[in-house]
Amino acid sequence: MCKAGFVFGIMKNMRVCLFQLVFTNHVKECPCSCADEASCGSPRWIGRSLSCVCIKRKGAYERICMNLTPVQEERLQRLKHRMKVYFDPSRRDHQEALKALWHATYPDQELQGLISEQWKDMGWQGRDPSTDFRGAGFISLENLLFFAKTFSASFQRLLKKQCGNRATWEYPFAVAGVNITFMIMQMLDLQSTKPRTFVRAIFIQMLSEDEWAFDLLYCVAFVVMDKQWLDKNASYMDFNEVLKSTRTQLERELMLDDVMRIEDMPSYSLLC
């Protein structure tokens, strides 16, 4: 996987303007000039078809444009396509992906079948894991597989609930993973035709530099969720509340001044 360094670029051939910015501590007054309609500004930009916003990061103002570059458009469309694919148990490639998840999770255990009591050990609700993908689709399986292969130590630690004072009724690992995928999809608001959040705009910039940004964010979200679970001494019925606080934490970190890549997020250090 290529981990290119992330730099927000100033768009060429774009005249700039003088405007007042208000968005917590991240968006400030930014000196520019412009004769066109390139606009930056407060949360009021939402839904107004404005082309740019400026955010103060690392002491300098960086322009984030709503008009996507060809690379951003291509990768965003590819990600949107992934998000629209339903899990189909009759498709050979989906079956193989499910088998690959099993072998990445339990390399020393032979899988008895795609419908088996064994799947419950991974945290699926029943013998047939395909019934649990309805909320987030095939991408949630891809996310779990990416996590298992890329950060195997963290994946196994969370699967086996190895750290902290665990609850009697723990969250089911695999089903939690599907819910995390769905939560990130909602947080990033990628299916909307117009950008409605700064977090979405920032993420698309990250996506242009790393095609695997969504999958990396998923891994960060999973370890953040587990940490929140332990910090709150949560039990099964608290899962939705933990998921909400996880989303809040992710949004806060993505908006930090010095976070230019997923790897810059403070919680990325929880992965191993």
Foldseek 3Di string as FASTA:
>chain_A
DDQFDADQDDDPPAFWCWDAADDPQWAGGDDGRHDDQQDAYYLVCFPVPHFWHWTFFPNDIGIQTQPDDPLLVVLLVVVVVQQPAAQDPVDPVSQVLVVLLVCLQPVPDDDPDCFAQVVVLQQAPHRHNSVLLVQRGSVLSVLSSCCSPVQVVVSNCVSVVPDADADPAHHRRSSLSSVLNNLVCVLLVSVDPGDNDPLVSLQSSQCSSPSCQSSLVSNLLSLQLVVLCRVVVHHDVCSVVSSVVSSVLSSVQSSHRHDNYSCPRPSSVVTD
